[in-house]
Amino acid sequence: YRLRQDLGRFPPGFAPRQIACFALGTALLVIAL
């Protein structure tokens, strides 16, 4: 939220793809543990 608020957009190197990877990785940790 702060990255988007300060820059007004998703900057190069940190985009919805990174958010999706983090969300999926966290969901798999929940399933595993």
ModelCIF file with pLDDT and N, C-alpha, C, O atoms, coordinates in Angstrom:
data_MODEL
#
_entry.id   MODEL 
#
_entity.id                         1 
_entity.type                       polymer 
_entity.pdbx_number_of_molecules   1 
#
_entity_poly.entity_id                      1 
_entity_poly.type                           'polypeptide(L)' 
_entity_poly.nstd_linkage                   no 
_entity_poly.nstd_monomer                   no 
_entity_poly.pdbx_seq_one_letter_code       YRLRQDLGRFPPGFAPRQIACFALGTALLVIAL 
_entity_poly.pdbx_seq_one_letter_code_can   YRLRQDLGRFPPGFAPRQIACFALGTALLVIAL 
_entity_poly.pdbx_strand_id                 A 
#
loop_
_entity_poly_seq.entity_id 
_entity_poly_seq.num 
_entity_poly_seq.mon_id 
_entity_poly_seq.hetero 
1 1  TYR n 
1 2  ARG n 
1 3  LEU n 
1 4  ARG n 
1 5  GLN n 
1 6  ASP n 
1 7  LEU n 
1 8  GLY n 
1 9  ARG n 
1 10 PHE n 
1 11 PRO n 
1 12 PRO n 
1 13 GLY n 
1 14 PHE n 
1 15 ALA n 
1 16 PRO n 
1 17 ARG n 
1 18 GLN n 
1 19 ILE n 
1 20 ALA n 
1 21 CYS n 
1 22 PHE n 
1 23 ALA n 
1 24 LEU n 
1 25 GLY n 
1 26 THR n 
1 27 ALA n 
1 28 LEU n 
1 29 LEU n 
1 30 VAL n 
1 31 ILE n 
1 32 ALA n 
1 33 LEU n 
#
_struct_asym.id          A 
_struct_asym.entity_id   1 
#
loop_
_ma_qa_metric.id 
_ma_qa_metric.mode 
_ma_qa_metric.name 
_ma_qa_metric.software_group_id 
_ma_qa_metric.type 
1 global pLDDT . pLDDT 
2 local  pLDDT . pLDDT 
#
_ma_qa_metric_global.metric_id      1 
_ma_qa_metric_global.metric_value   86.27 
_ma_qa_metric_global.model_id       1 
_ma_qa_metric_global.ordinal_id     1 
#
loop_
_ma_qa_metric_local.label_asym_id 
_ma_qa_metric_local.label_comp_id 
_ma_qa_metric_local.label_seq_id 
_ma_qa_metric_local.metric_id 
_ma_qa_metric_local.metric_value 
_ma_qa_metric_local.model_id 
_ma_qa_metric_local.ordinal_id 
A TYR 1  2 88.00 1 1  
A ARG 2  2 86.00 1 2  
A LEU 3  2 83.00 1 3  
A ARG 4  2 81.00 1 4  
A GLN 5  2 80.00 1 5  
A ASP 6  2 75.00 1 6  
A LEU 7  2 71.00 1 7  
A GLY 8  2 70.00 1 8  
A ARG 9  2 72.00 1 9  
A PHE 10 2 70.00 1 10 
A PRO 11 2 70.00 1 11 
A PRO 12 2 72.00 1 12 
A GLY 13 2 76.00 1 13 
A PHE 14 2 82.00 1 14 
A ALA 15 2 82.00 1 15 
A PRO 16 2 87.00 1 16 
A ARG 17 2 90.00 1 17 
A GLN 18 2 92.00 1 18 
A ILE 19 2 92.00 1 19 
A ALA 20 2 94.00 1 20 
A CYS 21 2 95.00 1 21 
A PHE 22 2 96.00 1 22 
A ALA 23 2 95.00 1 23 
A LEU 24 2 96.00 1 24 
A GLY 25 2 96.00 1 25 
A THR 26 2 96.00 1 26 
A ALA 27 2 96.00 1 27 
A LEU 28 2 96.00 1 28 
A LEU 29 2 95.00 1 29 
A VAL 30 2 94.00 1 30 
A ILE 31 2 94.00 1 31 
A ALA 32 2 93.00 1 32 
A LEU 33 2 92.00 1 33 
#
loop_
_atom_site.group_PDB 
_atom_site.id 
_atom_site.type_symbol 
_atom_site.label_atom_id 
_atom_site.label_alt_id 
_atom_site.label_comp_id 
_atom_site.label_asym_id 
_atom_site.label_entity_id 
_atom_site.label_seq_id 
_atom_site.pdbx_PDB_ins_code 
_atom_site.Cartn_x 
_atom_site.Cartn_y 
_atom_site.Cartn_z 
_atom_site.occupancy 
_atom_site.B_iso_or_equiv 
_atom_site.pdbx_formal_charge 
_atom_site.auth_seq_id 
_atom_site.auth_comp_id 
_atom_site.auth_asym_id 
_atom_site.auth_atom_id 
_atom_site.pdbx_PDB_model_num 
ATOM 1   N N  . TYR A 1 1  ? 0.827  -1.207  0.000   1.00 88.00 ? 1  TYR A N  1 
ATOM 2   C CA . TYR A 1 1  ? 0.000  0.000   0.000   1.00 88.00 ? 1  TYR A CA 1 
ATOM 3   C C  . TYR A 1 1  ? 0.864  1.262   0.000   1.00 88.00 ? 1  TYR A C  1 
ATOM 4   O O  . TYR A 1 1  ? 0.571  2.213   -0.724  1.00 88.00 ? 1  TYR A O  1 
ATOM 5   N N  . ARG A 1 2  ? 1.921  1.275   0.803   1.00 86.00 ? 2  ARG A N  1 
ATOM 6   C CA . ARG A 1 2  ? 2.780  2.451   0.866   1.00 86.00 ? 2  ARG A CA 1 
ATOM 7   C C  . ARG A 1 2  ? 3.582  2.641   -0.417  1.00 86.00 ? 2  ARG A C  1 
ATOM 8   O O  . ARG A 1 2  ? 3.785  3.771   -0.861  1.00 86.00 ? 2  ARG A O  1 
ATOM 9   N N  . LEU A 1 3  ? 4.038  1.541   -1.015  1.00 83.00 ? 3  LEU A N  1 
ATOM 10  C CA . LEU A 1 3  ? 4.734  1.650   -2.294  1.00 83.00 ? 3  LEU A CA 1 
ATOM 11  C C  . LEU A 1 3  ? 3.823  2.273   -3.351  1.00 83.00 ? 3  LEU A C  1 
ATOM 12  O O  . LEU A 1 3  ? 4.237  3.173   -4.081  1.00 83.00 ? 3  LEU A O  1 
ATOM 13  N N  . ARG A 1 4  ? 2.591  1.792   -3.428  1.00 81.00 ? 4  ARG A N  1 
ATOM 14  C CA . ARG A 1 4  ? 1.641  2.313   -4.414  1.00 81.00 ? 4  ARG A CA 1 
ATOM 15  C C  . ARG A 1 4  ? 1.268  3.762   -4.111  1.00 81.00 ? 4  ARG A C  1 
ATOM 16  O O  . ARG A 1 4  ? 1.105  4.577   -5.018  1.00 81.00 ? 4  ARG A O  1 
ATOM 17  N N  . GLN A 1 5  ? 1.137  4.067   -2.826  1.00 80.00 ? 5  GLN A N  1 
ATOM 18  C CA . GLN A 1 5  ? 0.750  5.423   -2.441  1.00 80.00 ? 5  GLN A CA 1 
ATOM 19  C C  . GLN A 1 5  ? 1.870  6.421   -2.710  1.00 80.00 ? 5  GLN A C  1 
ATOM 20  O O  . GLN A 1 5  ? 1.615  7.521   -3.201  1.00 80.00 ? 5  GLN A O  1 
ATOM 21  N N  . ASP A 1 6  ? 3.105  6.049   -2.393  1.00 75.00 ? 6  ASP A N  1 
ATOM 22  C CA . ASP A 1 6  ? 4.222  6.975   -2.553  1.00 75.00 ? 6  ASP A CA 1 
ATOM 23  C C  . ASP A 1 6  ? 4.605  7.172   -4.016  1.00 75.00 ? 6  ASP A C  1 
ATOM 24  O O  . ASP A 1 6  ? 4.963  8.278   -4.421  1.00 75.00 ? 6  ASP A O  1 
ATOM 25  N N  . LEU A 1 7  ? 4.530  6.100   -4.813  1.00 71.00 ? 7  LEU A N  1 
ATOM 26  C CA . LEU A 1 7  ? 4.973  6.178   -6.206  1.00 71.00 ? 7  LEU A CA 1 
ATOM 27  C C  . LEU A 1 7  ? 3.834  6.386   -7.193  1.00 71.00 ? 7  LEU A C  1 
ATOM 28  O O  . LEU A 1 7  ? 4.068  6.768   -8.340  1.00 71.00 ? 7  LEU A O  1 
ATOM 29  N N  . GLY A 1 8  ? 2.605  6.139   -6.756  1.00 70.00 ? 8  GLY A N  1 
ATOM 30  C CA . GLY A 1 8  ? 1.461  6.324   -7.639  1.00 70.00 ? 8  GLY A CA 1 
ATOM 31  C C  . GLY A 1 8  ? 1.225  5.172   -8.601  1.00 70.00 ? 8  GLY A C  1 
ATOM 32  O O  . GLY A 1 8  ? 0.275  5.217   -9.382  1.00 70.00 ? 8  GLY A O  1 
ATOM 33  N N  . ARG A 1 9  ? 2.050  4.157   -8.568  1.00 72.00 ? 9  ARG A N  1 
ATOM 34  C CA . ARG A 1 9  ? 1.929  3.007   -9.462  1.00 72.00 ? 9  ARG A CA 1 
ATOM 35  C C  . ARG A 1 9  ? 2.806  1.892   -8.905  1.00 72.00 ? 9  ARG A C  1 
ATOM 36  O O  . ARG A 1 9  ? 3.582  2.103   -7.973  1.00 72.00 ? 9  ARG A O  1 
ATOM 37  N N  . PHE A 1 10 ? 2.673  0.703   -9.489  1.00 70.00 ? 10 PHE A N  1 
ATOM 38  C CA . PHE A 1 10 ? 3.593  -0.367  -9.131  1.00 70.00 ? 10 PHE A CA 1 
ATOM 39  C C  . PHE A 1 10 ? 4.900  -0.156  -9.877  1.00 70.00 ? 10 PHE A C  1 
ATOM 40  O O  . PHE A 1 10 ? 4.896  -0.104  -11.107 1.00 70.00 ? 10 PHE A O  1 
ATOM 41  N N  . PRO A 1 11 ? 6.008  -0.033  -9.177  1.00 70.00 ? 11 PRO A N  1 
ATOM 42  C CA . PRO A 1 11 ? 7.284  0.255   -9.842  1.00 70.00 ? 11 PRO A CA 1 
ATOM 43  C C  . PRO A 1 11 ? 7.856  -0.975  -10.524 1.00 70.00 ? 11 PRO A C  1 
ATOM 44  O O  . PRO A 1 11 ? 7.440  -2.092  -10.215 1.00 70.00 ? 11 PRO A O  1 
ATOM 45  N N  . PRO A 1 12 ? 8.794  -0.802  -11.441 1.00 72.00 ? 12 PRO A N  1 
ATOM 46  C CA . PRO A 1 12 ? 9.461  -1.953  -12.070 1.00 72.00 ? 12 PRO A CA 1 
ATOM 47  C C  . PRO A 1 12 ? 10.155 -2.812  -11.008 1.00 72.00 ? 12 PRO A C  1 
ATOM 48  O O  . PRO A 1 12 ? 10.790 -2.287  -10.094 1.00 72.00 ? 12 PRO A O  1 
ATOM 49  N N  . GLY A 1 13 ? 10.032 -4.100  -11.136 1.00 76.00 ? 13 GLY A N  1 
ATOM 50  C CA . GLY A 1 13 ? 10.653 -5.015  -10.188 1.00 76.00 ? 13 GLY A CA 1 
ATOM 51  C C  . GLY A 1 13 ? 9.750  -5.403  -9.042  1.00 76.00 ? 13 GLY A C  1 
ATOM 52  O O  . GLY A 1 13 ? 10.074 -6.315  -8.281  1.00 76.00 ? 13 GLY A O  1 
ATOM 53  N N  . PHE A 1 14 ? 8.627  -4.734  -8.905  1.00 82.00 ? 14 PHE A N  1 
ATOM 54  C CA . PHE A 1 14 ? 7.679  -5.104  -7.849  1.00 82.00 ? 14 PHE A CA 1 
ATOM 55  C C  . PHE A 1 14 ? 6.280  -4.799  -8.379  1.00 82.00 ? 14 PHE A C  1 
ATOM 56  O O  . PHE A 1 14 ? 5.812  -3.662  -8.323  1.00 82.00 ? 14 PHE A O  1 
ATOM 57  N N  . ALA A 1 15 ? 5.627  -5.832  -8.892  1.00 82.00 ? 15 ALA A N  1 
ATOM 58  C CA . ALA A 1 15 ? 4.361  -5.674  -9.593  1.00 82.00 ? 15 ALA A CA 1 
ATOM 59  C C  . ALA A 1 15 ? 3.362  -6.704  -9.065  1.00 82.00 ? 15 ALA A C  1 
ATOM 60  O O  . ALA A 1 15 ? 3.684  -7.454  -8.143  1.00 82.00 ? 15 ALA A O  1 
ATOM 61  N N  . PRO A 1 16 ? 2.163  -6.753  -9.630  1.00 87.00 ? 16 PRO A N  1 
ATOM 62  C CA . PRO A 1 16 ? 1.190  -7.777  -9.189  1.00 87.00 ? 16 PRO A CA 1 
ATOM 63  C C  . PRO A 1 16 ? 1.721  -9.203  -9.249  1.00 87.00 ? 16 PRO A C  1 
ATOM 64  O O  . PRO A 1 16 ? 1.266  -10.061 -8.493  1.00 87.00 ? 16 PRO A O  1 
ATOM 65  N N  . ARG A 1 17 ? 2.680  -9.471  -10.142 1.00 90.00 ? 17 ARG A N  1 
ATOM 66  C CA . ARG A 1 17 ? 3.248  -10.823 -10.191 1.00 90.00 ? 17 ARG A CA 1 
ATOM 67  C C  . ARG A 1 17 ? 3.949  -11.176 -8.888  1.00 90.00 ? 17 ARG A C  1 
ATOM 68  O O  . ARG A 1 17 ? 3.816  -12.300 -8.406  1.00 90.00 ? 17 ARG A O  1 
ATOM 69  N N  . GLN A 1 18 ? 4.697  -10.234 -8.305  1.00 92.00 ? 18 GLN A N  1 
ATOM 70  C CA . GLN A 1 18 ? 5.363  -10.490 -7.032  1.00 92.00 ? 18 GLN A CA 1 
ATOM 71  C C  . GLN A 1 18 ? 4.343  -10.678 -5.906  1.00 92.00 ? 18 GLN A C  1 
ATOM 72  O O  . GLN A 1 18 ? 4.528  -11.517 -5.025  1.00 92.00 ? 18 GLN A O  1 
ATOM 73  N N  . ILE A 1 19 ? 3.276  -9.895  -5.945  1.00 92.00 ? 19 ILE A N  1 
ATOM 74  C CA . ILE A 1 19 ? 2.237  -10.031 -4.918  1.00 92.00 ? 19 ILE A CA 1 
ATOM 75  C C  . ILE A 1 19 ? 1.583  -11.405 -5.004  1.00 92.00 ? 19 ILE A C  1 
ATOM 76  O O  . ILE A 1 19 ? 1.315  -12.036 -3.981  1.00 92.00 ? 19 ILE A O  1 
ATOM 77  N N  . ALA A 1 20 ? 1.326  -11.866 -6.226  1.00 94.00 ? 20 ALA A N  1 
ATOM 78  C CA . ALA A 1 20 ? 0.714  -13.177 -6.412  1.00 94.00 ? 20 ALA A CA 1 
ATOM 79  C C  . ALA A 1 20 ? 1.645  -14.295 -5.935  1.00 94.00 ? 20 ALA A C  1 
ATOM 80  O O  . ALA A 1 20 ? 1.188  -15.263 -5.326  1.00 94.00 ? 20 ALA A O  1 
ATOM 81  N N  . CYS A 1 21 ? 2.948  -14.169 -6.207  1.00 95.00 ? 21 CYS A N  1 
ATOM 82  C CA . CYS A 1 21 ? 3.901  -15.188 -5.751  1.00 95.00 ? 21 CYS A CA 1 
ATOM 83  C C  . CYS A 1 21 ? 3.938  -15.265 -4.230  1.00 95.00 ? 21 CYS A C  1 
ATOM 84  O O  . CYS A 1 21 ? 3.952  -16.355 -3.659  1.00 95.00 ? 21 CYS A O  1 
ATOM 85  N N  . PHE A 1 22 ? 3.954  -14.104 -3.577  1.00 96.00 ? 22 PHE A N  1 
ATOM 86  C CA . PHE A 1 22 ? 3.969  -14.100 -2.115  1.00 96.00 ? 22 PHE A CA 1 
ATOM 87  C C  . PHE A 1 22 ? 2.689  -14.711 -1.554  1.00 96.00 ? 22 PHE A C  1 
ATOM 88  O O  . PHE A 1 22 ? 2.739  -15.500 -0.611  1.00 96.00 ? 22 PHE A O  1 
ATOM 89  N N  . ALA A 1 23 ? 1.543  -14.350 -2.132  1.00 95.00 ? 23 ALA A N  1 
ATOM 90  C CA . ALA A 1 23 ? 0.269  -14.875 -1.642  1.00 95.00 ? 23 ALA A CA 1 
ATOM 91  C C  . ALA A 1 23 ? 0.201  -16.389 -1.815  1.00 95.00 ? 23 ALA A C  1 
ATOM 92  O O  . ALA A 1 23 ? -0.248 -17.098 -0.914  1.00 95.00 ? 23 ALA A O  1 
ATOM 93  N N  . LEU A 1 24 ? 0.644  -16.887 -2.970  1.00 96.00 ? 24 LEU A N  1 
ATOM 94  C CA . LEU A 1 24 ? 0.606  -18.323 -3.208  1.00 96.00 ? 24 LEU A CA 1 
ATOM 95  C C  . LEU A 1 24 ? 1.583  -19.059 -2.303  1.00 96.00 ? 24 LEU A C  1 
ATOM 96  O O  . LEU A 1 24 ? 1.257  -20.122 -1.776  1.00 96.00 ? 24 LEU A O  1 
ATOM 97  N N  . GLY A 1 25 ? 2.778  -18.505 -2.117  1.00 96.00 ? 25 GLY A N  1 
ATOM 98  C CA . GLY A 1 25 ? 3.742  -19.131 -1.223  1.00 96.00 ? 25 GLY A CA 1 
ATOM 99  C C  . GLY A 1 25 ? 3.240  -19.200 0.208   1.00 96.00 ? 25 GLY A C  1 
ATOM 100 O O  . GLY A 1 25 ? 3.431  -20.209 0.886   1.00 96.00 ? 25 GLY A O  1 
ATOM 101 N N  . THR A 1 26 ? 2.598  -18.130 0.673   1.00 96.00 ? 26 THR A N  1 
ATOM 102 C CA . THR A 1 26 ? 2.053  -18.124 2.026   1.00 96.00 ? 26 THR A CA 1 
ATOM 103 C C  . THR A 1 26 ? 0.915  -19.127 2.160   1.00 96.00 ? 26 THR A C  1 
ATOM 104 O O  . THR A 1 26 ? 0.819  -19.823 3.170   1.00 96.00 ? 26 THR A O  1 
ATOM 105 N N  . ALA A 1 27 ? 0.052  -19.207 1.148   1.00 96.00 ? 27 ALA A N  1 
ATOM 106 C CA . ALA A 1 27 ? -1.051 -20.172 1.187   1.00 96.00 ? 27 ALA A CA 1 
ATOM 107 C C  . ALA A 1 27 ? -0.520 -21.606 1.254   1.00 96.00 ? 27 ALA A C  1 
ATOM 108 O O  . ALA A 1 27 ? -1.092 -22.446 1.949   1.00 96.00 ? 27 ALA A O  1 
ATOM 109 N N  . LEU A 1 28 ? 0.557  -21.887 0.542   1.00 96.00 ? 28 LEU A N  1 
ATOM 110 C CA . LEU A 1 28 ? 1.139  -23.232 0.584   1.00 96.00 ? 28 LEU A CA 1 
ATOM 111 C C  . LEU A 1 28 ? 1.749  -23.539 1.948   1.00 96.00 ? 28 LEU A C  1 
ATOM 112 O O  . LEU A 1 28 ? 1.723  -24.686 2.395   1.00 96.00 ? 28 LEU A O  1 
ATOM 113 N N  . LEU A 1 29 ? 2.299  -22.518 2.614   1.00 95.00 ? 29 LEU A N  1 
ATOM 114 C CA . LEU A 1 29 ? 2.795  -22.727 3.976   1.00 95.00 ? 29 LEU A CA 1 
ATOM 115 C C  . LEU A 1 29 ? 1.650  -23.071 4.925   1.00 95.00 ? 29 LEU A C  1 
ATOM 116 O O  . LEU A 1 29 ? 1.798  -23.924 5.799   1.00 95.00 ? 29 LEU A O  1 
ATOM 117 N N  . VAL A 1 30 ? 0.514  -22.406 4.750   1.00 94.00 ? 30 VAL A N  1 
ATOM 118 C CA . VAL A 1 30 ? -0.658 -22.720 5.577   1.00 94.00 ? 30 VAL A CA 1 
ATOM 119 C C  . VAL A 1 30 ? -1.095 -24.164 5.344   1.00 94.00 ? 30 VAL A C  1 
ATOM 120 O O  . VAL A 1 30 ? -1.403 -24.884 6.294   1.00 94.00 ? 30 VAL A O  1 
ATOM 121 N N  . ILE A 1 31 ? -1.121 -24.587 4.082   1.00 94.00 ? 31 ILE A N  1 
ATOM 122 C CA . ILE A 1 31 ? -1.507 -25.967 3.774   1.00 94.00 ? 31 ILE A CA 1 
ATOM 123 C C  . ILE A 1 31 ? -0.513 -26.956 4.372   1.00 94.00 ? 31 ILE A C  1 
ATOM 124 O O  . ILE A 1 31 ? -0.908 -27.996 4.900   1.00 94.00 ? 31 ILE A O  1 
ATOM 125 N N  . ALA A 1 32 ? 0.772  -26.635 4.289   1.00 93.00 ? 32 ALA A N  1 
ATOM 126 C CA . ALA A 1 32 ? 1.792  -27.566 4.773   1.00 93.00 ? 32 ALA A CA 1 
ATOM 127 C C  . ALA A 1 32 ? 1.817  -27.673 6.288   1.00 93.00 ? 32 ALA A C  1 
ATOM 128 O O  . ALA A 1 32 ? 2.083  -28.750 6.821   1.00 93.00 ? 32 ALA A O  1 
ATOM 129 N N  . LEU A 1 33 ? 1.546  -26.575 6.998   1.00 92.00 ? 33 LEU A N  1 
ATOM 130 C CA . LEU A 1 33 ? 1.800  -26.539 8.434   1.00 92.00 ? 33 LEU A CA 1 
ATOM 131 C C  . LEU A 1 33 ? 0.545  -26.473 9.304   1.00 92.00 ? 33 LEU A C  1 
ATOM 132 O O  . LEU A 1 33 ? 0.645  -26.439 10.530  1.00 92.00 ? 33 LEU A O  1 
#
